[in-house]
Amino acid sequence: MIDHPLYRQDVQQVADISLPWDKLANKSILITGASGMIGSFLVDVLMQKNRRAALNLHVYALGRSEAHAKSSFGAYWEEPLFTFISHDVNLPMIDLNLGQIDYVLHLASNTHPRAYATDPIGTITANIIGTQNMLEFAVTHQAARFAFASSNEIYGENRGDVELFDEDYCGYINSNTLRAGYPESKRAGEALCQAYKQQKGLDIVVPRLTRSYGPTMRASDSKAIAQFIENGLAKQDIVLKSTGTQDYSFTYVADAVSGLLTVLIKGQNGEAYNIADPASNVTLKQLAETIAALAGTKVVFDLPDETEKAGFSKATKALLNPRKLEQLGWHAQTDIARGLRHTLQIMADL
């Protein structure tokens, strides 16, 4: 994918943003979930920064599948500043003789409905046990900063009292359901980070991602937007499995990664930051119609199967306020229409 001109343009756009990159110069970073949608784009950005700006940042990409990682990172596999680590975050990090690790970014997590429903234990443990394992690793290796990638899901259901969720909002979640495993474990992961900040003196930040999409999505992704894109690529009708009135924030992968980097480099110790693009707040029906128009198809309605339904979010309105992150100088650069065009064009060419 890194050889696709449009994808390289997106990667370079993030690599060119105005940040104090010198804070990463001659350092090392460990990224869990590195082969995932956001992790793989982030690795591409950092490795391109190494090549073009002599950042000299050692990137440790951690994931469970070496084969999948090689397919994503073949361009860097033999480079001295890239190291893949095959490991399950639910297991303690043994001594891998990595030396000093300056930054730890914990991205590993189940992030789509079918995974929530078919692997509810793995969903919870990656966000709690996996997070504790990585926090312990960060403390042991005296990391300068730990970043826990959280989610808009922690806000729960909008109580009807606000239009946009700021970082202090807390809505309703029925914890006595299978679907609650993801948002509740993300909440617990955030609480663990605060505990390690207080008890162990670890510097932590919490970037909260909203519904993200882009060409690095996996084929197994069962989120609504991923299924819409799959339909569009196949020139099939876009299948909407609800009335489509749910109102959500979406973020293109390039903006999600630029937000992550801004929080990692400029965020304040102990703080959480929403990563969201106000120009990409749309209903599911509007999203489906946009993709259908780009693909030259139409929207049809169909009921989900029971497995899919069990993993669906119950939130009907979840719009995030990015003002706190924007005060650090971050601004989204790719609205929903442009992001979808890029995603469809890149994926169609692969």
Protein backbone atom coordinates (compact mmCIF):
# COMPACT_ATOMS: atom_id res chain seq x y z
CA MET A 1 0.00 0.00 0.00
CA ILE A 2 2.88 2.36 0.73
CA ASP A 3 3.63 2.48 -3.00
CA HIS A 4 0.17 3.80 -3.90
CA PRO A 5 0.57 7.52 -4.78
CA LEU A 6 -2.64 8.60 -3.04
CA TYR A 7 -1.78 6.65 0.11
CA ARG A 8 1.75 8.08 0.10
CA GLN A 9 0.19 11.54 -0.19
CA ASP A 10 -1.91 10.88 2.92
CA VAL A 11 1.10 9.55 4.83
CA GLN A 12 3.27 12.49 3.84
CA GLN A 13 0.50 14.94 4.81
CA VAL A 14 0.73 13.64 8.38
CA ALA A 15 4.53 13.52 8.33
CA ASP A 16 4.53 17.19 7.31
CA ILE A 17 2.29 18.52 10.10
CA SER A 18 3.79 21.10 12.40
CA LEU A 19 4.85 19.26 15.56
CA PRO A 20 7.92 19.37 17.81
CA TRP A 21 9.23 16.21 16.12
CA ASP A 22 12.56 16.71 17.87
CA LYS A 23 10.97 15.14 20.97
CA LEU A 24 11.00 11.83 19.05
CA ALA A 25 14.46 12.29 17.55
CA ASN A 26 16.96 9.59 18.53
CA LYS A 27 14.29 7.92 20.67
CA SER A 28 12.37 4.64 20.56
CA ILE A 29 8.65 3.87 20.48
CA LEU A 30 6.77 0.61 21.00
CA ILE A 31 3.37 0.37 19.31
CA THR A 32 0.97 -2.45 20.18
CA GLY A 33 -1.66 -3.36 17.60
CA ALA A 34 0.83 -2.12 15.02
CA SER A 35 -0.69 -4.16 12.18
CA GLY A 36 -4.18 -2.76 12.73
CA MET A 37 -5.88 0.00 10.76
CA ILE A 38 -4.45 2.92 12.75
CA GLY A 39 -1.23 1.25 13.87
CA SER A 40 -0.10 0.38 10.34
CA PHE A 41 -0.71 3.94 9.11
CA LEU A 42 1.18 5.30 12.13
CA VAL A 43 4.15 3.02 11.44
CA ASP A 44 4.19 4.20 7.81
CA VAL A 45 4.24 7.84 8.95
CA LEU A 46 7.06 7.31 11.43
CA MET A 47 9.17 5.28 9.01
CA GLN A 48 8.69 7.86 6.26
CA LYS A 49 9.73 10.52 8.78
CA ASN A 50 12.84 8.47 9.50
CA ARG A 51 13.68 8.26 5.81
CA ARG A 52 12.99 11.85 4.85
CA ALA A 53 13.86 13.80 7.98
CA ALA A 54 16.51 11.59 9.60
CA LEU A 55 14.38 11.34 12.75
CA ASN A 56 16.38 8.30 13.90
CA LEU A 57 13.36 6.97 15.83
CA HIS A 58 13.47 3.22 16.46
CA VAL A 59 9.99 1.82 15.82
CA TYR A 60 9.09 -1.40 17.63
CA ALA A 61 5.91 -2.79 16.04
CA LEU A 62 4.17 -5.34 18.27
CA GLY A 63 1.52 -7.73 16.97
CA ARG A 64 0.40 -11.34 17.13
CA SER A 65 0.93 -12.35 13.50
CA GLU A 66 4.35 -12.07 11.90
CA ALA A 67 2.89 -13.04 8.51
CA HIS A 68 0.37 -10.21 8.66
CA ALA A 69 3.06 -7.79 9.82
CA LYS A 70 5.35 -8.75 6.92
CA SER A 71 2.55 -8.04 4.46
CA SER A 72 2.10 -4.60 6.02
CA PHE A 73 5.70 -3.66 6.74
CA GLY A 74 7.73 -5.51 4.12
CA ALA A 75 9.22 -2.21 2.95
CA TYR A 76 10.89 -1.71 6.35
CA TRP A 77 11.50 -5.29 7.48
CA GLU A 78 15.27 -5.17 7.05
CA GLU A 79 15.76 -1.56 8.14
CA PRO A 80 17.76 -1.11 11.37
CA LEU A 81 15.21 1.36 12.79
CA PHE A 82 12.32 -1.12 12.48
CA THR A 83 11.75 -4.17 14.68
CA PHE A 84 8.69 -6.42 14.73
CA ILE A 85 7.83 -8.16 18.01
CA SER A 86 5.46 -11.13 17.92
CA HIS A 87 3.53 -11.03 21.18
CA ASP A 88 0.02 -11.18 22.68
CA VAL A 89 -0.51 -8.21 25.00
CA ASN A 90 -2.64 -10.39 27.29
CA LEU A 91 0.61 -12.09 28.32
CA PRO A 92 3.24 -10.31 30.42
CA MET A 93 6.06 -8.72 28.44
CA ILE A 94 9.12 -10.87 29.08
CA ASP A 95 12.61 -9.42 28.89
CA LEU A 96 13.20 -8.99 25.17
CA ASN A 97 16.46 -7.09 25.66
CA LEU A 98 14.96 -4.03 24.03
CA GLY A 99 16.89 -1.56 26.10
CA GLN A 100 15.44 1.89 26.64
CA ILE A 101 11.89 2.39 25.32
CA ASP A 102 10.99 6.07 25.42
CA TYR A 103 7.34 5.92 24.32
CA VAL A 104 4.71 3.19 24.57
CA LEU A 105 1.52 3.53 22.53
CA HIS A 106 -1.10 0.87 23.34
CA LEU A 107 -3.41 0.43 20.33
CA ALA A 108 -4.10 -3.31 20.52
CA SER A 109 -7.83 -3.98 20.91
CA ASN A 110 -10.82 -5.58 19.27
CA THR A 111 -12.52 -2.68 17.50
CA HIS A 112 -15.53 -3.96 15.57
CA PRO A 113 -18.95 -5.50 16.39
CA ARG A 114 -18.41 -9.09 15.25
CA ALA A 115 -15.24 -9.31 17.36
CA TYR A 116 -17.11 -7.93 20.38
CA ALA A 117 -19.75 -10.65 19.97
CA THR A 118 -17.51 -13.62 19.08
CA ASP A 119 -14.55 -12.80 21.33
CA PRO A 120 -15.98 -10.90 24.29
CA ILE A 121 -13.32 -12.21 26.68
CA GLY A 122 -10.49 -11.15 24.37
CA THR A 123 -12.17 -7.77 23.93
CA ILE A 124 -12.16 -7.13 27.67
CA THR A 125 -8.77 -8.61 28.50
CA ALA A 126 -6.88 -6.64 25.83
CA ASN A 127 -8.25 -3.41 27.30
CA ILE A 128 -7.63 -4.30 30.95
CA ILE A 129 -5.04 -7.08 31.35
CA GLY A 130 -3.23 -6.04 28.16
CA THR A 131 -3.19 -2.43 29.29
CA GLN A 132 -1.78 -3.36 32.69
CA ASN A 133 0.91 -5.50 31.06
CA MET A 134 1.96 -2.60 28.86
CA LEU A 135 1.83 -0.13 31.74
CA GLU A 136 4.13 -2.43 33.74
CA PHE A 137 6.42 -2.65 30.73
CA ALA A 138 6.50 1.15 30.47
CA VAL A 139 7.37 1.51 34.16
CA THR A 140 10.08 -1.16 33.96
CA HIS A 141 11.65 0.45 30.91
CA GLN A 142 11.33 3.96 32.39
CA ALA A 143 9.32 5.21 29.44
CA ALA A 144 8.98 8.97 29.12
CA ARG A 145 5.30 8.64 28.21
CA PHE A 146 2.54 6.02 27.88
CA ALA A 147 -0.42 6.62 25.56
CA PHE A 148 -3.58 4.52 25.85
CA ALA A 149 -5.77 4.65 22.76
CA SER A 150 -9.30 4.89 24.12
CA SER A 151 -12.62 5.30 22.35
CA ASN A 152 -15.71 7.43 21.92
CA GLU A 153 -17.52 4.35 23.28
CA ILE A 154 -16.57 5.30 26.85
CA TYR A 155 -19.15 8.10 26.74
CA GLY A 156 -22.07 5.68 26.50
CA GLU A 157 -25.53 6.84 25.46
CA ASN A 158 -26.20 10.55 25.08
CA ARG A 159 -28.50 11.59 27.94
CA GLY A 160 -30.04 14.30 25.79
CA ASP A 161 -28.37 17.13 27.70
CA VAL A 162 -25.53 17.99 25.29
CA GLU A 163 -24.91 18.16 21.56
CA LEU A 164 -21.20 17.26 21.69
CA PHE A 165 -19.33 15.12 24.21
CA ASP A 166 -16.40 16.85 25.87
CA GLU A 167 -13.80 14.86 27.79
CA ASP A 168 -15.70 15.10 31.10
CA TYR A 169 -19.01 13.74 29.80
CA CYS A 170 -20.32 10.41 31.07
CA GLY A 171 -23.42 8.82 29.57
CA TYR A 172 -25.34 5.65 30.35
CA ILE A 173 -23.99 2.15 29.69
CA ASN A 174 -25.93 -0.97 30.70
CA SER A 175 -23.03 -3.02 32.05
CA ASN A 176 -25.13 -6.19 32.28
CA THR A 177 -24.89 -6.92 28.54
CA LEU A 178 -22.43 -8.65 26.23
CA ARG A 179 -21.92 -5.43 24.24
CA ALA A 180 -20.82 -3.54 27.37
CA GLY A 181 -17.51 -5.42 27.41
CA TYR A 182 -15.85 -2.98 25.02
CA PRO A 183 -16.82 0.43 26.48
CA GLU A 184 -16.57 -0.72 30.10
CA SER A 185 -13.11 -2.22 29.57
CA LYS A 186 -11.96 0.95 27.83
CA ARG A 187 -13.18 2.90 30.88
CA ALA A 188 -11.28 0.50 33.14
CA GLY A 189 -8.17 0.88 30.96
CA GLU A 190 -8.31 4.64 31.39
CA ALA A 191 -8.71 4.22 35.15
CA LEU A 192 -5.65 1.94 35.21
CA CYS A 193 -3.65 4.63 33.44
CA GLN A 194 -4.62 7.16 36.10
CA ALA A 195 -3.69 4.66 38.82
CA TYR A 196 -0.22 4.15 37.32
CA LYS A 197 0.22 7.89 37.01
CA GLN A 198 -0.54 8.35 40.69
CA GLN A 199 1.08 5.26 42.19
CA LYS A 200 4.03 4.67 39.86
CA GLY A 201 4.69 8.20 38.64
CA LEU A 202 4.17 7.21 35.00
CA ASP A 203 3.48 10.00 32.51
CA ILE A 204 0.28 9.06 30.65
CA VAL A 205 -2.03 10.54 28.02
CA VAL A 206 -5.33 9.19 26.70
CA PRO A 207 -6.25 9.93 23.07
CA ARG A 208 -9.92 9.05 22.53
CA LEU A 209 -10.57 7.92 18.98
CA THR A 210 -13.93 8.13 17.31
CA ARG A 211 -15.24 5.87 14.52
CA SER A 212 -12.20 5.73 12.25
CA TYR A 213 -11.91 4.45 8.70
CA GLY A 214 -9.45 4.34 5.82
CA PRO A 215 -7.69 2.09 3.32
CA THR A 216 -5.80 0.24 6.08
CA MET A 217 -9.03 -1.34 7.37
CA ARG A 218 -8.86 -5.13 7.58
CA ALA A 219 -11.10 -7.34 5.46
CA SER A 220 -12.53 -8.83 8.68
CA ASP A 221 -13.72 -5.42 9.95
CA SER A 222 -17.47 -5.59 10.60
CA LYS A 223 -18.12 -1.94 11.43
CA ALA A 224 -20.95 -0.40 9.42
CA ILE A 225 -18.62 1.91 7.49
CA ALA A 226 -16.31 -0.99 6.59
CA GLN A 227 -19.25 -3.02 5.28
CA PHE A 228 -20.54 -0.03 3.29
CA ILE A 229 -17.10 0.41 1.71
CA GLU A 230 -16.87 -3.30 0.92
CA ASN A 231 -20.25 -3.10 -0.83
CA GLY A 232 -19.15 -0.02 -2.74
CA LEU A 233 -15.90 -1.62 -3.91
CA ALA A 234 -17.85 -4.62 -5.18
CA LYS A 235 -20.29 -2.26 -6.99
CA GLN A 236 -23.07 -3.71 -4.87
CA ASP A 237 -25.94 -1.88 -3.20
CA ILE A 238 -24.97 -0.38 0.17
CA VAL A 239 -26.72 -2.47 2.82
CA LEU A 240 -27.99 -0.44 5.78
CA LYS A 241 -28.95 -2.68 8.70
CA SER A 242 -31.00 -0.07 10.58
CA THR A 243 -33.03 3.05 9.82
CA GLY A 244 -29.74 4.93 9.71
CA THR A 245 -30.72 7.75 12.05
CA GLN A 246 -27.73 7.15 14.36
CA ASP A 247 -25.62 10.32 14.42
CA TYR A 248 -21.89 9.71 14.81
CA SER A 249 -18.46 11.34 14.52
CA PHE A 250 -16.15 9.76 11.96
CA THR A 251 -12.43 10.34 11.41
CA TYR A 252 -10.22 9.48 8.44
CA VAL A 253 -7.22 7.38 9.43
CA ALA A 254 -4.73 10.14 8.53
CA ASP A 255 -6.45 12.58 10.89
CA ALA A 256 -6.72 9.91 13.59
CA VAL A 257 -2.96 9.33 13.39
CA SER A 258 -2.11 13.04 13.34
CA GLY A 259 -4.30 13.38 16.43
CA LEU A 260 -2.53 10.50 18.15
CA LEU A 261 0.84 12.04 17.43
CA THR A 262 -0.29 15.45 18.68
CA VAL A 263 -1.52 13.95 21.96
CA LEU A 264 1.63 11.83 22.31
CA ILE A 265 4.01 14.74 21.74
CA LYS A 266 2.09 17.76 23.06
CA GLY A 267 -0.58 16.40 25.41
CA GLN A 268 -0.54 17.17 29.12
CA ASN A 269 0.28 14.39 31.57
CA GLY A 270 -2.90 12.71 32.85
CA GLU A 271 -5.25 14.27 30.30
CA ALA A 272 -7.66 12.73 27.78
CA TYR A 273 -8.25 14.26 24.34
CA ASN A 274 -11.04 13.69 21.81
CA ILE A 275 -9.84 13.07 18.25
CA ALA A 276 -12.80 13.98 16.05
CA ASP A 277 -13.55 15.90 12.88
CA PRO A 278 -16.62 18.19 13.11
CA ALA A 279 -16.85 18.16 9.29
CA SER A 280 -17.35 14.38 9.43
CA ASN A 281 -20.35 14.23 11.77
CA VAL A 282 -23.03 12.36 9.79
CA THR A 283 -25.86 9.90 10.26
CA LEU A 284 -25.39 6.32 9.11
CA LYS A 285 -27.95 6.94 6.37
CA GLN A 286 -25.99 9.97 5.12
CA LEU A 287 -22.79 7.91 5.27
CA ALA A 288 -24.36 5.09 3.25
CA GLU A 289 -25.74 7.54 0.68
CA THR A 290 -22.33 9.22 0.27
CA ILE A 291 -20.59 5.90 -0.37
CA ALA A 292 -23.38 4.78 -2.73
CA ALA A 293 -23.03 7.99 -4.72
CA LEU A 294 -19.25 7.55 -4.99
CA ALA A 295 -19.62 3.91 -5.99
CA GLY A 296 -22.52 4.43 -8.39
CA THR A 297 -24.88 2.15 -6.46
CA LYS A 298 -27.86 2.65 -4.15
CA VAL A 299 -28.80 2.13 -0.50
CA VAL A 300 -30.94 -0.84 0.53
CA PHE A 301 -32.14 -1.94 3.96
CA ASP A 302 -31.60 -5.37 5.55
CA LEU A 303 -31.80 -6.80 9.06
CA PRO A 304 -28.54 -7.87 10.76
CA ASP A 305 -27.95 -11.46 11.84
CA GLU A 306 -27.98 -12.20 15.56
CA THR A 307 -24.18 -12.22 15.90
CA GLU A 308 -23.86 -8.81 14.27
CA LYS A 309 -26.78 -7.41 16.27
CA ALA A 310 -25.20 -8.51 19.57
CA GLY A 311 -22.11 -6.44 18.76
CA PHE A 312 -23.88 -3.26 17.63
CA SER A 313 -23.54 -0.08 19.66
CA LYS A 314 -26.69 1.04 21.43
CA ALA A 315 -25.70 4.70 21.14
CA THR A 316 -27.97 6.70 18.82
CA LYS A 317 -26.04 9.97 19.01
CA ALA A 318 -22.32 10.19 19.76
CA LEU A 319 -20.68 13.38 18.52
CA LEU A 320 -17.35 14.39 20.05
CA ASN A 321 -16.03 17.87 20.78
CA PRO A 322 -12.37 18.17 19.64
CA ARG A 323 -11.84 21.68 21.04
CA LYS A 324 -9.35 20.54 23.70
CA LEU A 325 -7.14 18.86 21.08
CA GLU A 326 -7.52 21.80 18.71
CA GLN A 327 -6.09 24.01 21.46
CA LEU A 328 -2.87 21.99 21.04
CA GLY A 329 -2.78 23.05 17.40
CA TRP A 330 -4.42 19.98 15.81
CA HIS A 331 -7.04 20.29 13.09
CA ALA A 332 -8.56 17.59 10.90
CA GLN A 333 -7.60 17.94 7.25
CA THR A 334 -9.77 15.32 5.53
CA ASP A 335 -13.56 15.59 5.68
CA ILE A 336 -15.83 12.59 5.19
CA ALA A 337 -16.31 13.02 1.43
CA ARG A 338 -12.58 13.31 0.67
CA GLY A 339 -11.69 10.53 3.09
CA LEU A 340 -14.18 8.15 1.51
CA ARG A 341 -12.94 9.01 -1.99
CA HIS A 342 -9.36 8.28 -0.96
CA THR A 343 -10.36 5.04 0.76
CA LEU A 344 -12.33 3.74 -2.22
CA GLN A 345 -9.68 4.76 -4.77
CA ILE A 346 -6.78 3.22 -2.86
CA MET A 347 -8.57 0.00 -1.98
CA ALA A 348 -9.87 -0.41 -5.53
CA ASP A 349 -6.30 -0.32 -6.85
CA LEU A 350 -4.89 -2.91 -4.47
